[in-house]
Each structure stands twice: as structure tokens, then as C-alpha cells.
Amino acid sequence: MTETLIKVDLNQPVTENENIHNRWHPDIPMAAWVKPGDDFILETYDWTAGAIKNNDDASDVRDIDLSTVHYLSGPIGVHGAEPGDLLVVDLLDIGARADSMWGFNGFFRATTAAAF
């Protein structure tokens, strides 16, 4: 069975999950390590970490706090990889969580989106 390396709990604040961050930075430690060729699962939050719920309306997307978005799972280290190496990653499956089979989108002015 394929191992889930990062799990998320939509009922838990994103800030309590040590495997989630909101930027790529060399000081962020690896959340997990894999060997080349490993298959694994990463669970992720949406970009708002669940701030927009299935019962919300368009104003919730319009009024989202853009200073606390861009949540990322990881990083994942690859044993044997060195800085500057080119890695190939195959996404074998991607989809919504079984307990959250809905979605949303929003369009933001560049000046608003650049605020975060």
C-alpha cells in the first residue's frame, strides 16, 4: 500500500500542522524523505486552508484574507539528490478529498493578489 507522507485535518487549524508552510525557503526542514522511484501520497489544503466552506457565497471568495494564503505541503526530500539536480516527478493521481468533493475559484485584481 502506498504510504501517505503528509496528512491534513480540515477540522484542525493549518498552523498546527508542522508539515504545511506558505513559502519555499531553504530554512524550512524536510517534512519527509523518499527514495528515487518511491510512490507516495501527499494530502494538501486548498490555497485558503479551508477558510472558504461549501456553504459560503461569492462574497467569501471576494473577501478572503490574502495575507494568510498559499499553503503548501512539504517539502519532500529525495535521498541522493544534490542541489542543482533536475528531478522528474510523475503525478499519478490528483483529485478532491473524499470528504470534500466540491470546489471554488476566484479572480483577483493584480494589486490585491500581490498583497500577500
Protein backbone atom coordinates (compact mmCIF):
# COMPACT_ATOMS: atom_id res chain seq x y z
CA MET A 1 0.00 0.00 0.00
CA THR A 2 1.22 3.49 -0.88
CA GLU A 3 2.21 5.50 2.21
CA THR A 4 0.62 8.87 2.96
CA LEU A 5 3.55 11.08 3.93
CA ILE A 6 1.57 14.22 4.77
CA LYS A 7 -1.96 14.20 6.14
CA VAL A 8 -4.24 17.16 6.73
CA ASP A 9 -7.22 17.51 9.06
CA LEU A 10 -9.70 20.09 7.80
CA ASN A 11 -11.01 20.46 11.35
CA GLN A 12 -7.54 21.44 12.65
CA PRO A 13 -6.06 24.92 12.17
CA VAL A 14 -3.45 24.84 9.41
CA THR A 15 -0.94 26.46 11.76
CA GLU A 16 -0.96 23.30 13.91
CA ASN A 17 0.25 21.09 11.05
CA GLU A 18 4.06 21.09 11.06
CA ASN A 19 4.18 19.74 7.50
CA ILE A 20 2.46 22.79 6.00
CA HIS A 21 4.06 26.14 5.18
CA ASN A 22 3.25 29.12 2.97
CA ARG A 23 6.53 29.77 1.14
CA TRP A 24 9.52 27.95 -0.31
CA HIS A 25 12.61 28.77 1.70
CA PRO A 26 15.86 26.83 2.29
CA ASP A 27 15.42 27.07 6.09
CA ILE A 28 12.18 25.05 6.05
CA PRO A 29 13.12 21.49 7.07
CA MET A 30 12.06 18.48 5.02
CA ALA A 31 8.68 17.13 6.11
CA ALA A 32 9.57 13.66 4.79
CA TRP A 33 12.19 11.82 2.75
CA VAL A 34 11.73 9.40 -0.15
CA LYS A 35 13.98 7.24 -2.30
CA PRO A 36 14.10 7.74 -6.07
CA GLY A 37 11.22 5.83 -7.64
CA ASP A 38 9.06 5.76 -4.49
CA ASP A 39 5.30 6.20 -4.85
CA PHE A 40 3.66 8.20 -2.06
CA ILE A 41 0.63 10.30 -1.22
CA LEU A 42 0.59 13.92 -0.08
CA GLU A 43 -2.59 15.46 1.25
CA THR A 44 -2.92 19.21 0.82
CA TYR A 45 -5.12 22.07 1.89
CA ASP A 46 -6.63 24.34 -0.69
CA TRP A 47 -4.86 27.68 -1.02
CA THR A 48 -7.04 29.16 1.77
CA ALA A 49 -6.51 26.23 4.19
CA GLY A 50 -10.24 25.64 4.31
CA ALA A 51 -11.25 29.24 5.01
CA ILE A 52 -13.89 29.00 2.27
CA LYS A 53 -16.57 26.44 3.15
CA ASN A 54 -19.08 24.64 0.97
CA ASN A 55 -21.93 26.76 2.40
CA ASP A 56 -20.30 30.12 1.61
CA ASP A 57 -21.29 32.51 -1.12
CA ALA A 58 -19.29 34.55 -3.62
CA SER A 59 -18.56 37.28 -1.07
CA ASP A 60 -16.48 34.80 0.93
CA VAL A 61 -14.15 34.36 -2.04
CA ARG A 62 -14.17 38.10 -2.75
CA ASP A 63 -13.37 38.99 0.87
CA ILE A 64 -10.76 36.30 1.63
CA ASP A 65 -7.80 37.49 3.68
CA LEU A 66 -4.99 37.33 1.10
CA SER A 67 -2.31 37.85 3.74
CA THR A 68 -2.71 34.28 5.00
CA VAL A 69 -2.91 32.15 1.87
CA HIS A 70 -0.71 29.93 -0.33
CA TYR A 71 -0.50 26.83 1.87
CA LEU A 72 1.90 24.13 0.69
CA SER A 73 2.57 20.56 1.81
CA GLY A 74 6.19 19.60 2.23
CA PRO A 75 8.92 19.96 1.35
CA ILE A 76 9.80 16.38 0.43
CA GLY A 77 13.46 15.41 0.23
CA VAL A 78 14.80 12.81 -2.19
CA HIS A 79 17.67 10.68 -0.89
CA GLY A 80 20.72 11.08 -3.12
CA ALA A 81 19.56 14.31 -4.76
CA GLU A 82 22.01 17.20 -4.65
CA PRO A 83 21.40 20.94 -5.04
CA GLY A 84 21.16 21.72 -8.75
CA ASP A 85 19.93 18.24 -9.73
CA LEU A 86 16.99 18.08 -12.11
CA LEU A 87 14.27 15.80 -10.73
CA VAL A 88 11.39 14.27 -12.68
CA VAL A 89 8.15 13.89 -10.72
CA ASP A 90 5.22 11.93 -12.16
CA LEU A 91 1.79 12.86 -10.76
CA LEU A 92 -0.09 9.56 -10.83
CA ASP A 93 -3.40 10.87 -9.50
CA ILE A 94 -4.84 14.15 -8.31
CA GLY A 95 -8.29 14.90 -7.00
CA ALA A 96 -10.55 16.20 -4.29
CA ARG A 97 -10.68 14.60 -0.86
CA ALA A 98 -13.50 12.09 -0.42
CA ASP A 99 -14.93 14.24 2.41
CA SER A 100 -14.72 17.46 0.39
CA MET A 101 -15.94 16.83 -3.15
CA TRP A 102 -16.57 20.45 -4.16
CA GLY A 103 -14.54 23.41 -5.30
CA PHE A 104 -14.43 27.12 -5.94
CA ASN A 105 -12.37 29.67 -7.80
CA GLY A 106 -11.89 33.38 -7.75
CA PHE A 107 -10.37 36.10 -9.87
CA PHE A 108 -8.46 38.88 -8.15
CA ARG A 109 -7.04 42.16 -9.33
CA ALA A 110 -3.25 42.01 -9.56
CA THR A 111 -2.86 44.71 -6.94
CA THR A 112 -4.96 42.71 -4.46
CA ALA A 113 -3.28 39.35 -5.13
CA ALA A 114 0.18 40.89 -4.88
CA ALA A 115 -0.59 41.94 -1.31
CA PHE A 116 0.27 38.53 0.09
